[in-house]
Amino acid sequence: MSRPAPRPLSAIVRELTAALAPASTLARAQQVWEHAAGPAIAAAAVPTAERDGVLTVTCQAAVWAQELDLMATELIARLNAALASDSIRELRCRTG
């Protein structure tokens, strides 16, 4: 029975980090949401779905949904900057 050749620890850590990183755009958006949106918005709204670049955010109240609609362009820019990609192109807000 032969053993595999030794590998550098840095290569193993890199592989594990890549494997544990969130794969979906929704998971990545949820991960950076508080940083991108700010603590007040993050306490009142959360990303709940993503499809074809459209991020759905569920808000605690209609007033928050309206506020986020008004801030959509800025929030999309912040999210895409935090994600280091242009994967979010539209924000849809709903209450729930």
PDB file of N, CA and C in Angstrom:
ATOM      1  N   MET A   1       0.851  -1.167   0.000  1.00  0.00           N
ATOM      2  CA  MET A   1       0.000   0.000   0.000  1.00  0.00           C
ATOM      3  C   MET A   1       0.897   1.230   0.000  1.00  0.00           C
ATOM      4  N   SER A   2       0.770   2.060  -1.038  1.00  0.00           N
ATOM      5  CA  SER A   2       1.627   3.244  -1.129  1.00  0.00           C
ATOM      6  C   SER A   2       0.884   4.478  -0.619  1.00  0.00           C
ATOM      7  N   ARG A   3       1.659   5.388  -0.103  1.00  0.00           N
ATOM      8  CA  ARG A   3       1.105   6.640   0.421  1.00  0.00           C
ATOM      9  C   ARG A   3       1.232   7.719  -0.641  1.00  0.00           C
ATOM     10  N   PRO A   4       0.310   8.672  -0.653  1.00  0.00           N
ATOM     11  CA  PRO A   4       0.439   9.768  -1.610  1.00  0.00           C
ATOM     12  C   PRO A   4       1.648  10.626  -1.262  1.00  0.00           C
ATOM     13  N   ALA A   5       2.183  11.257  -2.277  1.00  0.00           N
ATOM     14  CA  ALA A   5       3.344  12.130  -2.064  1.00  0.00           C
ATOM     15  C   ALA A   5       2.949  13.297  -1.162  1.00  0.00           C
ATOM     16  N   PRO A   6       3.873  13.738  -0.321  1.00  0.00           N
ATOM     17  CA  PRO A   6       3.573  14.876   0.549  1.00  0.00           C
ATOM     18  C   PRO A   6       3.279  16.131  -0.280  1.00  0.00           C
ATOM     19  N   ARG A   7       2.369  16.938   0.227  1.00  0.00           N
ATOM     20  CA  ARG A   7       2.008  18.190  -0.444  1.00  0.00           C
ATOM     21  C   ARG A   7       2.219  19.342   0.519  1.00  0.00           C
ATOM     22  N   PRO A   8       2.514  20.507  -0.006  1.00  0.00           N
ATOM     23  CA  PRO A   8       2.681  21.665   0.870  1.00  0.00           C
ATOM     24  C   PRO A   8       1.365  21.989   1.583  1.00  0.00           C
ATOM     25  N   LEU A   9       1.474  22.385   2.820  1.00  0.00           N
ATOM     26  CA  LEU A   9       0.304  22.739   3.612  1.00  0.00           C
ATOM     27  C   LEU A   9      -0.468  23.892   2.966  1.00  0.00           C
ATOM     28  N   SER A  10       0.237  24.830   2.352  1.00  0.00           N
ATOM     29  CA  SER A  10      -0.433  25.973   1.716  1.00  0.00           C
ATOM     30  C   SER A  10      -1.379  25.513   0.610  1.00  0.00           C
ATOM     31  N   ALA A  11      -1.005  24.481  -0.129  1.00  0.00           N
ATOM     32  CA  ALA A  11      -1.865  23.958  -1.191  1.00  0.00           C
ATOM     33  C   ALA A  11      -3.121  23.320  -0.604  1.00  0.00           C
ATOM     34  N   ILE A  12      -2.955  22.610   0.489  1.00  0.00           N
ATOM     35  CA  ILE A  12      -4.097  21.971   1.147  1.00  0.00           C
ATOM     36  C   ILE A  12      -5.048  23.027   1.697  1.00  0.00           C
ATOM     37  N   VAL A  13      -4.504  24.058   2.340  1.00  0.00           N
ATOM     38  CA  VAL A  13      -5.332  25.140   2.888  1.00  0.00           C
ATOM     39  C   VAL A  13      -6.080  25.854   1.769  1.00  0.00           C
ATOM     40  N   ARG A  14      -5.416  26.111   0.657  1.00  0.00           N
ATOM     41  CA  ARG A  14      -6.048  26.772  -0.486  1.00  0.00           C
ATOM     42  C   ARG A  14      -7.225  25.936  -1.011  1.00  0.00           C
ATOM     43  N   GLU A  15      -7.040  24.632  -1.119  1.00  0.00           N
ATOM     44  CA  GLU A  15      -8.107  23.748  -1.591  1.00  0.00           C
ATOM     45  C   GLU A  15      -9.284  23.730  -0.620  1.00  0.00           C
ATOM     46  N   LEU A  16      -8.993  23.655   0.674  1.00  0.00           N
ATOM     47  CA  LEU A  16     -10.058  23.645   1.674  1.00  0.00           C
ATOM     48  C   LEU A  16     -10.819  24.961   1.685  1.00  0.00           C
ATOM     49  N   THR A  17     -10.112  26.063   1.578  1.00  0.00           N
ATOM     50  CA  THR A  17     -10.756  27.375   1.561  1.00  0.00           C
ATOM     51  C   THR A  17     -11.683  27.492   0.364  1.00  0.00           C
ATOM     52  N   ALA A  18     -11.237  27.053  -0.779  1.00  0.00           N
ATOM     53  CA  ALA A  18     -12.071  27.100  -1.985  1.00  0.00           C
ATOM     54  C   ALA A  18     -13.290  26.197  -1.834  1.00  0.00           C
ATOM     55  N   ALA A  19     -13.106  25.049  -1.218  1.00  0.00           N
ATOM     56  CA  ALA A  19     -14.211  24.112  -1.051  1.00  0.00           C
ATOM     57  C   ALA A  19     -15.248  24.624  -0.058  1.00  0.00           C
ATOM     58  N   LEU A  20     -14.817  25.371   0.946  1.00  0.00           N
ATOM     59  CA  LEU A  20     -15.728  25.864   1.972  1.00  0.00           C
ATOM     60  C   LEU A  20     -16.355  27.206   1.624  1.00  0.00           C
ATOM     61  N   ALA A  21     -15.837  27.887   0.637  1.00  0.00           N
ATOM     62  CA  ALA A  21     -16.372  29.195   0.252  1.00  0.00           C
ATOM     63  C   ALA A  21     -17.778  29.029  -0.324  1.00  0.00           C
ATOM     64  N   PRO A  22     -18.655  29.990  -0.031  1.00  0.00           N
ATOM     65  CA  PRO A  22     -20.004  29.893  -0.592  1.00  0.00           C
ATOM     66  C   PRO A  22     -19.964  29.895  -2.114  1.00  0.00           C
ATOM     67  N   ALA A  23     -20.710  29.011  -2.717  1.00  0.00           N
ATOM     68  CA  ALA A  23     -20.661  28.872  -4.171  1.00  0.00           C
ATOM     69  C   ALA A  23     -21.723  29.708  -4.875  1.00  0.00           C
ATOM     70  N   SER A  24     -22.902  29.804  -4.301  1.00  0.00           N
ATOM     71  CA  SER A  24     -23.975  30.511  -4.989  1.00  0.00           C
ATOM     72  C   SER A  24     -23.873  32.017  -4.771  1.00  0.00           C
ATOM     73  N   THR A  25     -24.431  32.757  -5.705  1.00  0.00           N
ATOM     74  CA  THR A  25     -24.450  34.214  -5.580  1.00  0.00           C
ATOM     75  C   THR A  25     -25.251  34.616  -4.353  1.00  0.00           C
ATOM     76  N   LEU A  26     -26.353  33.921  -4.075  1.00  0.00           N
ATOM     77  CA  LEU A  26     -27.162  34.239  -2.897  1.00  0.00           C
ATOM     78  C   LEU A  26     -26.355  34.056  -1.621  1.00  0.00           C
ATOM     79  N   ALA A  27     -25.656  32.937  -1.498  1.00  0.00           N
ATOM     80  CA  ALA A  27     -24.864  32.685  -0.292  1.00  0.00           C
ATOM     81  C   ALA A  27     -23.784  33.740  -0.117  1.00  0.00           C
ATOM     82  N   ARG A  28     -23.149  34.118  -1.211  1.00  0.00           N
ATOM     83  CA  ARG A  28     -22.105  35.139  -1.125  1.00  0.00           C
ATOM     84  C   ARG A  28     -22.711  36.497  -0.778  1.00  0.00           C
ATOM     85  N   ALA A  29     -23.882  36.815  -1.353  1.00  0.00           N
ATOM     86  CA  ALA A  29     -24.555  38.083  -1.051  1.00  0.00           C
ATOM     87  C   ALA A  29     -24.972  38.132   0.418  1.00  0.00           C
ATOM     88  N   GLN A  30     -25.475  37.028   0.939  1.00  0.00           N
ATOM     89  CA  GLN A  30     -25.847  36.979   2.351  1.00  0.00           C
ATOM     90  C   GLN A  30     -24.628  37.175   3.246  1.00  0.00           C
ATOM     91  N   GLN A  31     -23.507  36.650   2.814  1.00  0.00           N
ATOM     92  CA  GLN A  31     -22.282  36.751   3.598  1.00  0.00           C
ATOM     93  C   GLN A  31     -21.795  38.198   3.703  1.00  0.00           C
ATOM     94  N   VAL A  32     -21.945  38.990   2.652  1.00  0.00           N
ATOM     95  CA  VAL A  32     -21.431  40.366   2.647  1.00  0.00           C
ATOM     96  C   VAL A  32     -22.529  41.404   2.890  1.00  0.00           C
ATOM     97  N   TRP A  33     -23.767  40.976   3.093  1.00  0.00           N
ATOM     98  CA  TRP A  33     -24.906  41.882   3.181  1.00  0.00           C
ATOM     99  C   TRP A  33     -24.726  42.969   4.240  1.00  0.00           C
ATOM    100  N   GLU A  34     -24.384  42.605   5.462  1.00  0.00           N
ATOM    101  CA  GLU A  34     -24.264  43.615   6.526  1.00  0.00           C
ATOM    102  C   GLU A  34     -23.190  44.642   6.191  1.00  0.00           C
ATOM    103  N   HIS A  35     -22.084  44.198   5.654  1.00  0.00           N
ATOM    104  CA  HIS A  35     -21.007  45.122   5.271  1.00  0.00           C
ATOM    105  C   HIS A  35     -21.468  46.045   4.149  1.00  0.00           C
ATOM    106  N   ALA A  36     -22.152  45.503   3.149  1.00  0.00           N
ATOM    107  CA  ALA A  36     -22.563  46.300   1.992  1.00  0.00           C
ATOM    108  C   ALA A  36     -23.746  47.209   2.305  1.00  0.00           C
ATOM    109  N   ALA A  37     -24.708  46.717   3.065  1.00  0.00           N
ATOM    110  CA  ALA A  37     -25.930  47.480   3.322  1.00  0.00           C
ATOM    111  C   ALA A  37     -25.838  48.345   4.569  1.00  0.00           C
ATOM    112  N   GLY A  38     -25.010  47.942   5.513  1.00  0.00           N
ATOM    113  CA  GLY A  38     -24.927  48.662   6.780  1.00  0.00           C
ATOM    114  C   GLY A  38     -25.771  47.960   7.833  1.00  0.00           C
ATOM    115  N   PRO A  39     -25.443  48.178   9.109  1.00  0.00           N
ATOM    116  CA  PRO A  39     -26.115  47.441  10.183  1.00  0.00           C
ATOM    117  C   PRO A  39     -27.610  47.746  10.319  1.00  0.00           C
ATOM    118  N   ALA A  40     -28.027  48.984  10.088  1.00  0.00           N
ATOM    119  CA  ALA A  40     -29.448  49.326  10.236  1.00  0.00           C
ATOM    120  C   ALA A  40     -30.292  48.604   9.188  1.00  0.00           C
ATOM    121  N   ILE A  41     -29.840  48.633   7.951  1.00  0.00           N
ATOM    122  CA  ILE A  41     -30.580  47.956   6.880  1.00  0.00           C
ATOM    123  C   ILE A  41     -30.519  46.445   7.074  1.00  0.00           C
ATOM    124  N   ALA A  42     -29.357  45.938   7.446  1.00  0.00           N
ATOM    125  CA  ALA A  42     -29.202  44.493   7.631  1.00  0.00           C
ATOM    126  C   ALA A  42     -30.108  43.964   8.739  1.00  0.00           C
ATOM    127  N   ALA A  43     -30.410  44.810   9.725  1.00  0.00           N
ATOM    128  CA  ALA A  43     -31.306  44.391  10.804  1.00  0.00           C
ATOM    129  C   ALA A  43     -32.758  44.331  10.336  1.00  0.00           C
ATOM    130  N   ALA A  44     -33.089  45.064   9.270  1.00  0.00           N
ATOM    131  CA  ALA A  44     -34.475  45.153   8.813  1.00  0.00           C
ATOM    132  C   ALA A  44     -34.745  44.408   7.507  1.00  0.00           C
ATOM    133  N   ALA A  45     -33.696  43.967   6.831  1.00  0.00           N
ATOM    134  CA  ALA A  45     -33.878  43.325   5.525  1.00  0.00           C
ATOM    135  C   ALA A  45     -32.782  42.296   5.292  1.00  0.00           C
ATOM    136  N   VAL A  46     -33.136  41.238   4.567  1.00  0.00           N
ATOM    137  CA  VAL A  46     -32.170  40.166   4.314  1.00  0.00           C
ATOM    138  C   VAL A  46     -32.377  39.597   2.904  1.00  0.00           C
ATOM    139  N   PRO A  47     -31.277  39.312   2.195  1.00  0.00           N
ATOM    140  CA  PRO A  47     -31.404  38.664   0.884  1.00  0.00           C
ATOM    141  C   PRO A  47     -31.968  37.253   1.055  1.00  0.00           C
ATOM    142  N   THR A  48     -33.009  36.946   0.294  1.00  0.00           N
ATOM    143  CA  THR A  48     -33.649  35.638   0.443  1.00  0.00           C
ATOM    144  C   THR A  48     -33.654  34.800  -0.830  1.00  0.00           C
ATOM    145  N   ALA A  49     -33.386  35.421  -1.970  1.00  0.00           N
ATOM    146  CA  ALA A  49     -33.369  34.657  -3.225  1.00  0.00           C
ATOM    147  C   ALA A  49     -32.540  35.406  -4.251  1.00  0.00           C
ATOM    148  N   GLU A  50     -32.024  34.649  -5.224  1.00  0.00           N
ATOM    149  CA  GLU A  50     -31.287  35.245  -6.343  1.00  0.00           C
ATOM    150  C   GLU A  50     -31.523  34.377  -7.558  1.00  0.00           C
ATOM    151  N   ARG A  51     -31.844  35.041  -8.657  1.00  0.00           N
ATOM    152  CA  ARG A  51     -32.028  34.304  -9.904  1.00  0.00           C
ATOM    153  C   ARG A  51     -31.651  35.213 -11.061  1.00  0.00           C
ATOM    154  N   ASP A  52     -30.733  34.756 -11.864  1.00  0.00           N
ATOM    155  CA  ASP A  52     -30.303  35.489 -13.061  1.00  0.00           C
ATOM    156  C   ASP A  52     -29.910  36.929 -12.758  1.00  0.00           C
ATOM    157  N   GLY A  53     -29.207  37.131 -11.650  1.00  0.00           N
ATOM    158  CA  GLY A  53     -28.721  38.468 -11.309  1.00  0.00           C
ATOM    159  C   GLY A  53     -29.721  39.346 -10.590  1.00  0.00           C
ATOM    160  N   VAL A  54     -30.909  38.823 -10.330  1.00  0.00           N
ATOM    161  CA  VAL A  54     -31.929  39.581  -9.600  1.00  0.00           C
ATOM    162  C   VAL A  54     -31.931  39.094  -8.153  1.00  0.00           C
ATOM    163  N   LEU A  55     -31.544  39.981  -7.235  1.00  0.00           N
ATOM    164  CA  LEU A  55     -31.482  39.642  -5.816  1.00  0.00           C
ATOM    165  C   LEU A  55     -32.779  40.086  -5.153  1.00  0.00           C
ATOM    166  N   THR A  56     -33.480  39.152  -4.538  1.00  0.00           N
ATOM    167  CA  THR A  56     -34.704  39.464  -3.806  1.00  0.00           C
ATOM    168  C   THR A  56     -34.345  39.659  -2.344  1.00  0.00           C
ATOM    169  N   VAL A  57     -34.794  40.792  -1.802  1.00  0.00           N
ATOM    170  CA  VAL A  57     -34.529  41.134  -0.410  1.00  0.00           C
ATOM    171  C   VAL A  57     -35.868  41.201   0.313  1.00  0.00           C
ATOM    172  N   THR A  58     -35.985  40.465   1.409  1.00  0.00           N
ATOM    173  CA  THR A  58     -37.207  40.482   2.199  1.00  0.00           C
ATOM    174  C   THR A  58     -37.028  41.455   3.354  1.00  0.00           C
ATOM    175  N   CYS A  59     -37.964  42.402   3.442  1.00  0.00           N
ATOM    176  CA  CYS A  59     -37.898  43.475   4.437  1.00  0.00           C
ATOM    177  C   CYS A  59     -38.961  43.265   5.510  1.00  0.00           C
ATOM    178  N   GLN A  60     -38.692  43.785   6.716  1.00  0.00           N
ATOM    179  CA  GLN A  60     -39.629  43.652   7.829  1.00  0.00           C
ATOM    180  C   GLN A  60     -40.891  44.481   7.626  1.00  0.00           C
ATOM    181  N   ALA A  61     -40.785  45.601   6.927  1.00  0.00           N
ATOM    182  CA  ALA A  61     -41.924  46.498   6.748  1.00  0.00           C
ATOM    183  C   ALA A  61     -41.879  47.120   5.359  1.00  0.00           C
ATOM    184  N   ALA A  62     -43.040  47.572   4.897  1.00  0.00           N
ATOM    185  CA  ALA A  62     -43.139  48.185   3.572  1.00  0.00           C
ATOM    186  C   ALA A  62     -42.266  49.426   3.456  1.00  0.00           C
ATOM    187  N   VAL A  63     -42.123  50.159   4.544  1.00  0.00           N
ATOM    188  CA  VAL A  63     -41.296  51.365   4.498  1.00  0.00           C
ATOM    189  C   VAL A  63     -39.837  51.023   4.195  1.00  0.00           C
ATOM    190  N   TRP A  64     -39.360  49.890   4.712  1.00  0.00           N
ATOM    191  CA  TRP A  64     -37.995  49.453   4.406  1.00  0.00           C
ATOM    192  C   TRP A  64     -37.884  49.027   2.946  1.00  0.00           C
ATOM    193  N   ALA A  65     -38.890  48.348   2.436  1.00  0.00           N
ATOM    194  CA  ALA A  65     -38.870  47.940   1.028  1.00  0.00           C
ATOM    195  C   ALA A  65     -38.820  49.165   0.124  1.00  0.00           C
ATOM    196  N   GLN A  66     -39.597  50.188   0.463  1.00  0.00           N
ATOM    197  CA  GLN A  66     -39.590  51.419  -0.325  1.00  0.00           C
ATOM    198  C   GLN A  66     -38.229  52.108  -0.242  1.00  0.00           C
ATOM    199  N   GLU A  67     -37.658  52.162   0.948  1.00  0.00           N
ATOM    200  CA  GLU A  67     -36.344  52.791   1.134  1.00  0.00           C
ATOM    201  C   GLU A  67     -35.274  52.061   0.321  1.00  0.00           C
ATOM    202  N   LEU A  68     -35.304  50.747   0.347  1.00  0.00           N
ATOM    203  CA  LEU A  68     -34.310  49.979  -0.411  1.00  0.00           C
ATOM    204  C   LEU A  68     -34.520  50.118  -1.912  1.00  0.00           C
ATOM    205  N   ASP A  69     -35.778  50.241  -2.340  1.00  0.00           N
ATOM    206  CA  ASP A  69     -36.038  50.507  -3.761  1.00  0.00           C
ATOM    207  C   ASP A  69     -35.372  51.810  -4.182  1.00  0.00           C
ATOM    208  N   LEU A  70     -35.449  52.825  -3.328  1.00  0.00           N
ATOM    209  CA  LEU A  70     -34.839  54.121  -3.634  1.00  0.00           C
ATOM    210  C   LEU A  70     -33.312  54.056  -3.621  1.00  0.00           C
ATOM    211  N   MET A  71     -32.771  53.139  -2.823  1.00  0.00           N
ATOM    212  CA  MET A  71     -31.317  52.993  -2.695  1.00  0.00           C
ATOM    213  C   MET A  71     -30.756  51.885  -3.583  1.00  0.00           C
ATOM    214  N   ALA A  72     -31.573  51.302  -4.438  1.00  0.00           N
ATOM    215  CA  ALA A  72     -31.188  50.096  -5.180  1.00  0.00           C
ATOM    216  C   ALA A  72     -29.882  50.255  -5.946  1.00  0.00           C
ATOM    217  N   THR A  73     -29.721  51.352  -6.669  1.00  0.00           N
ATOM    218  CA  THR A  73     -28.503  51.539  -7.470  1.00  0.00           C
ATOM    219  C   THR A  73     -27.266  51.532  -6.585  1.00  0.00           C
ATOM    220  N   GLU A  74     -27.340  52.241  -5.470  1.00  0.00           N
ATOM    221  CA  GLU A  74     -26.203  52.303  -4.540  1.00  0.00           C
ATOM    222  C   GLU A  74     -25.939  50.944  -3.898  1.00  0.00           C
ATOM    223  N   LEU A  75     -26.998  50.254  -3.477  1.00  0.00           N
ATOM    224  CA  LEU A  75     -26.826  48.940  -2.849  1.00  0.00           C
ATOM    225  C   LEU A  75     -26.248  47.921  -3.824  1.00  0.00           C
ATOM    226  N   ILE A  76     -26.705  47.950  -5.061  1.00  0.00           N
ATOM    227  CA  ILE A  76     -26.169  47.030  -6.072  1.00  0.00           C
ATOM    228  C   ILE A  76     -24.681  47.282  -6.270  1.00  0.00           C
ATOM    229  N   ALA A  77     -24.295  48.547  -6.338  1.00  0.00           N
ATOM    230  CA  ALA A  77     -22.875  48.880  -6.508  1.00  0.00           C
ATOM    231  C   ALA A  77     -22.061  48.396  -5.318  1.00  0.00           C
ATOM    232  N   ARG A  78     -22.572  48.603  -4.108  1.00  0.00           N
ATOM    233  CA  ARG A  78     -21.852  48.150  -2.900  1.00  0.00           C
ATOM    234  C   ARG A  78     -21.746  46.628  -2.853  1.00  0.00           C
ATOM    235  N   LEU A  79     -22.850  45.950  -3.169  1.00  0.00           N
ATOM    236  CA  LEU A  79     -22.829  44.484  -3.166  1.00  0.00           C
ATOM    237  C   LEU A  79     -21.840  43.947  -4.189  1.00  0.00           C
ATOM    238  N   ASN A  80     -21.894  44.468  -5.400  1.00  0.00           N
ATOM    239  CA  ASN A  80     -20.978  43.994  -6.435  1.00  0.00           C
ATOM    240  C   ASN A  80     -19.529  44.286  -6.071  1.00  0.00           C
ATOM    241  N   ALA A  81     -19.272  45.418  -5.418  1.00  0.00           N
ATOM    242  CA  ALA A  81     -17.907  45.719  -4.966  1.00  0.00           C
ATOM    243  C   ALA A  81     -17.477  44.714  -3.904  1.00  0.00           C
ATOM    244  N   ALA A  82     -18.361  44.408  -2.965  1.00  0.00           N
ATOM    245  CA  ALA A  82     -18.032  43.453  -1.904  1.00  0.00           C
ATOM    246  C   ALA A  82     -17.868  42.039  -2.457  1.00  0.00           C
ATOM    247  N   LEU A  83     -18.612  41.726  -3.512  1.00  0.00           N
ATOM    248  CA  LEU A  83     -18.518  40.399  -4.130  1.00  0.00           C
ATOM    249  C   LEU A  83     -17.390  40.311  -5.148  1.00  0.00           C
ATOM    250  N   ALA A  84     -16.804  41.450  -5.477  1.00  0.00           N
ATOM    251  CA  ALA A  84     -15.748  41.531  -6.496  1.00  0.00           C
ATOM    252  C   ALA A  84     -16.228  40.955  -7.830  1.00  0.00           C
ATOM    253  N   SER A  85     -17.484  41.253  -8.155  1.00  0.00           N
ATOM    254  CA  SER A  85     -18.050  40.824  -9.438  1.00  0.00           C
ATOM    255  C   SER A  85     -19.254  41.706  -9.749  1.00  0.00           C
ATOM    256  N   ASP A  86     -19.792  41.548 -10.934  1.00  0.00           N
ATOM    257  CA  ASP A  86     -21.014  42.260 -11.316  1.00  0.00           C
ATOM    258  C   ASP A  86     -22.177  41.282 -11.389  1.00  0.00           C
ATOM    259  N   SER A  87     -22.269  40.398 -10.413  1.00  0.00           N
ATOM    260  CA  SER A  87     -23.271  39.339 -10.467  1.00  0.00           C
ATOM    261  C   SER A  87     -24.678  39.809 -10.101  1.00  0.00           C
ATOM    262  N   ILE A  88     -24.804  40.920  -9.377  1.00  0.00           N
ATOM    263  CA  ILE A  88     -26.121  41.458  -9.035  1.00  0.00           C
ATOM    264  C   ILE A  88     -26.417  42.606  -9.991  1.00  0.00           C
ATOM    265  N   ARG A  89     -27.527  42.520 -10.718  1.00  0.00           N
ATOM    266  CA  ARG A  89     -27.872  43.592 -11.657  1.00  0.00           C
ATOM    267  C   ARG A  89     -29.187  44.273 -11.305  1.00  0.00           C
ATOM    268  N   GLU A  90     -29.975  43.629 -10.441  1.00  0.00           N
ATOM    269  CA  GLU A  90     -31.266  44.203 -10.054  1.00  0.00           C
ATOM    270  C   GLU A  90     -31.593  43.791  -8.624  1.00  0.00           C
ATOM    271  N   LEU A  91     -32.287  44.679  -7.907  1.00  0.00           N
ATOM    272  CA  LEU A  91     -32.704  44.415  -6.531  1.00  0.00           C
ATOM    273  C   LEU A  91     -34.226  44.459  -6.498  1.00  0.00           C
ATOM    274  N   ARG A  92     -34.839  43.423  -5.963  1.00  0.00           N
ATOM    275  CA  ARG A  92     -36.295  43.404  -5.785  1.00  0.00           C
ATOM    276  C   ARG A  92     -36.571  43.298  -4.298  1.00  0.00           C
ATOM    277  N   CYS A  93     -37.393  44.193  -3.811  1.00  0.00           N
ATOM    278  CA  CYS A  93     -37.699  44.223  -2.384  1.00  0.00           C
ATOM    279  C   CYS A  93     -39.140  43.813  -2.154  1.00  0.00           C
ATOM    280  N   ARG A  94     -39.339  43.026  -1.123  1.00  0.00           N
ATOM    281  CA  ARG A  94     -40.684  42.608  -0.749  1.00  0.00           C
ATOM    282  C   ARG A  94     -40.775  42.569   0.766  1.00  0.00           C
ATOM    283  N   THR A  95     -41.984  42.609   1.283  1.00  0.00           N
ATOM    284  CA  THR A  95     -42.163  42.515   2.727  1.00  0.00           C
ATOM    285  C   THR A  95     -42.487  41.075   3.078  1.00  0.00           C
ATOM    286  N   GLY A  96     -42.146  40.718   4.287  1.00  0.00           N
ATOM    287  CA  GLY A  96     -42.409  39.339   4.660  1.00  0.00           C
ATOM    288  C   GLY A  96     -42.100  39.009   6.052  1.00  0.00           C
TER     289      GLY A  96
END
